[in-house]
Amino acid sequence: MTDKEQLYKNLIVSILALASDKQHQLDFTIPDCTICDLIEDFNNYGNGCYDMSDYSFVQNEKIRELKELIDSFCKVETECYE
């Protein structure tokens, strides 16, 4: 698997983790802070994929929209449980 393929795979996993129910999110991020880890993973892999992107315009827009949604969530006070 190339670095680019691994990056795409990690992005998909991070999106699936964000979309999971609470218990799966906790299982995915234990022992760290769930909110911090899920957001950090998406940002790391999303930005990496965006930088190396050969996605279509629509795919790039969806990643951008998801990032904006996550950023707006982060503006709400969230407590870190690390």
C-alpha atoms as a PDB file:
ATOM      1  CA  MET A   1       0.000   0.000   0.000  1.00  0.00           C
ATOM      2  CA  THR A   2       1.394   3.402  -0.950  1.00  0.00           C
ATOM      3  CA  ASP A   3       1.544   6.334   1.452  1.00  0.00           C
ATOM      4  CA  LYS A   4      -1.249   8.029  -0.471  1.00  0.00           C
ATOM      5  CA  GLU A   5      -3.476   4.931  -0.283  1.00  0.00           C
ATOM      6  CA  GLN A   6      -2.782   4.625   3.462  1.00  0.00           C
ATOM      7  CA  LEU A   7      -3.664   8.285   3.933  1.00  0.00           C
ATOM      8  CA  TYR A   8      -6.972   7.818   2.087  1.00  0.00           C
ATOM      9  CA  LYS A   9      -7.734   4.702   4.128  1.00  0.00           C
ATOM     10  CA  ASN A  10      -7.042   6.584   7.367  1.00  0.00           C
ATOM     11  CA  LEU A  11      -9.306   9.431   6.249  1.00  0.00           C
ATOM     12  CA  ILE A  12     -12.144   6.962   5.606  1.00  0.00           C
ATOM     13  CA  VAL A  13     -11.584   5.353   9.022  1.00  0.00           C
ATOM     14  CA  SER A  14     -11.613   8.769  10.720  1.00  0.00           C
ATOM     15  CA  ILE A  15     -14.885   9.708   8.979  1.00  0.00           C
ATOM     16  CA  LEU A  16     -16.437   6.372   9.954  1.00  0.00           C
ATOM     17  CA  ALA A  17     -15.346   6.916  13.556  1.00  0.00           C
ATOM     18  CA  LEU A  18     -16.928  10.377  13.565  1.00  0.00           C
ATOM     19  CA  ALA A  19     -20.160   8.891  12.202  1.00  0.00           C
ATOM     20  CA  SER A  20     -20.242   6.022  14.705  1.00  0.00           C
ATOM     21  CA  ASP A  21     -22.376   5.814  17.794  1.00  0.00           C
ATOM     22  CA  LYS A  22     -20.993   6.937  21.139  1.00  0.00           C
ATOM     23  CA  GLN A  23     -19.781   3.509  22.272  1.00  0.00           C
ATOM     24  CA  HIS A  24     -17.848   2.854  19.063  1.00  0.00           C
ATOM     25  CA  GLN A  25     -16.299   6.311  19.278  1.00  0.00           C
ATOM     26  CA  LEU A  26     -15.164   5.577  22.827  1.00  0.00           C
ATOM     27  CA  ASP A  27     -13.785   2.180  21.796  1.00  0.00           C
ATOM     28  CA  PHE A  28     -11.941   3.789  18.875  1.00  0.00           C
ATOM     29  CA  THR A  29     -10.226   6.449  20.980  1.00  0.00           C
ATOM     30  CA  ILE A  30      -9.585   4.782  24.349  1.00  0.00           C
ATOM     31  CA  PRO A  31      -7.588   5.781  26.404  1.00  0.00           C
ATOM     32  CA  ASP A  32      -7.493   9.377  25.120  1.00  0.00           C
ATOM     33  CA  CYS A  33     -10.060  12.136  24.890  1.00  0.00           C
ATOM     34  CA  THR A  34     -12.712  11.095  22.384  1.00  0.00           C
ATOM     35  CA  ILE A  35     -13.502  14.577  21.106  1.00  0.00           C
ATOM     36  CA  CYS A  36      -9.864  15.596  20.702  1.00  0.00           C
ATOM     37  CA  ASP A  37      -8.812  12.343  19.026  1.00  0.00           C
ATOM     38  CA  LEU A  38     -11.679  12.158  16.542  1.00  0.00           C
ATOM     39  CA  ILE A  39     -11.215  15.757  15.476  1.00  0.00           C
ATOM     40  CA  GLU A  40      -7.429  15.511  15.352  1.00  0.00           C
ATOM     41  CA  ASP A  41      -7.547  12.338  13.242  1.00  0.00           C
ATOM     42  CA  PHE A  42      -9.934  13.899  10.755  1.00  0.00           C
ATOM     43  CA  ASN A  43      -7.890  17.095  10.563  1.00  0.00           C
ATOM     44  CA  ASN A  44      -4.611  15.223  10.086  1.00  0.00           C
ATOM     45  CA  TYR A  45      -5.872  12.834   7.430  1.00  0.00           C
ATOM     46  CA  GLY A  46      -8.290  15.305   5.852  1.00  0.00           C
ATOM     47  CA  ASN A  47      -5.602  17.937   5.420  1.00  0.00           C
ATOM     48  CA  GLY A  48      -3.113  15.374   4.169  1.00  0.00           C
ATOM     49  CA  CYS A  49      -5.550  14.033   1.623  1.00  0.00           C
ATOM     50  CA  TYR A  50      -6.558  17.515   0.615  1.00  0.00           C
ATOM     51  CA  ASP A  51      -2.919  18.415   0.001  1.00  0.00           C
ATOM     52  CA  MET A  52      -2.271  15.241  -2.049  1.00  0.00           C
ATOM     53  CA  SER A  53      -5.725  15.272  -3.539  1.00  0.00           C
ATOM     54  CA  ASP A  54      -6.765  13.878  -6.826  1.00  0.00           C
ATOM     55  CA  TYR A  55     -10.339  13.921  -5.572  1.00  0.00           C
ATOM     56  CA  SER A  56     -13.108  15.282  -7.712  1.00  0.00           C
ATOM     57  CA  PHE A  57     -14.445  18.766  -7.087  1.00  0.00           C
ATOM     58  CA  VAL A  58     -17.499  17.281  -5.342  1.00  0.00           C
ATOM     59  CA  GLN A  59     -15.353  15.111  -3.054  1.00  0.00           C
ATOM     60  CA  ASN A  60     -13.171  18.086  -2.138  1.00  0.00           C
ATOM     61  CA  GLU A  61     -16.285  20.119  -1.368  1.00  0.00           C
ATOM     62  CA  LYS A  62     -17.650  17.387   0.917  1.00  0.00           C
ATOM     63  CA  ILE A  63     -14.379  17.179   2.857  1.00  0.00           C
ATOM     64  CA  ARG A  64     -14.360  20.985   3.172  1.00  0.00           C
ATOM     65  CA  GLU A  65     -18.006  21.007   4.346  1.00  0.00           C
ATOM     66  CA  LEU A  66     -17.300  18.295   6.906  1.00  0.00           C
ATOM     67  CA  LYS A  67     -14.308  20.250   8.177  1.00  0.00           C
ATOM     68  CA  GLU A  68     -16.444  23.396   8.521  1.00  0.00           C
ATOM     69  CA  LEU A  69     -19.067  21.420  10.443  1.00  0.00           C
ATOM     70  CA  ILE A  70     -16.427  20.014  12.791  1.00  0.00           C
ATOM     71  CA  ASP A  71     -14.867  23.470  13.235  1.00  0.00           C
ATOM     72  CA  SER A  72     -18.254  24.933  14.138  1.00  0.00           C
ATOM     73  CA  PHE A  73     -18.732  22.141  16.691  1.00  0.00           C
ATOM     74  CA  CYS A  74     -15.324  22.953  18.179  1.00  0.00           C
ATOM     75  CA  LYS A  75     -16.364  26.564  18.718  1.00  0.00           C
ATOM     76  CA  VAL A  76     -18.950  25.261  21.173  1.00  0.00           C
ATOM     77  CA  GLU A  77     -17.373  24.734  24.547  1.00  0.00           C
ATOM     78  CA  THR A  78     -16.290  21.117  24.806  1.00  0.00           C
ATOM     79  CA  GLU A  79     -14.562  19.621  27.781  1.00  0.00           C
ATOM     80  CA  CYS A  80     -11.445  17.541  27.195  1.00  0.00           C
ATOM     81  CA  TYR A  81     -11.493  14.316  29.203  1.00  0.00           C
ATOM     82  CA  GLU A  82      -7.853  13.386  28.672  1.00  0.00           C
END
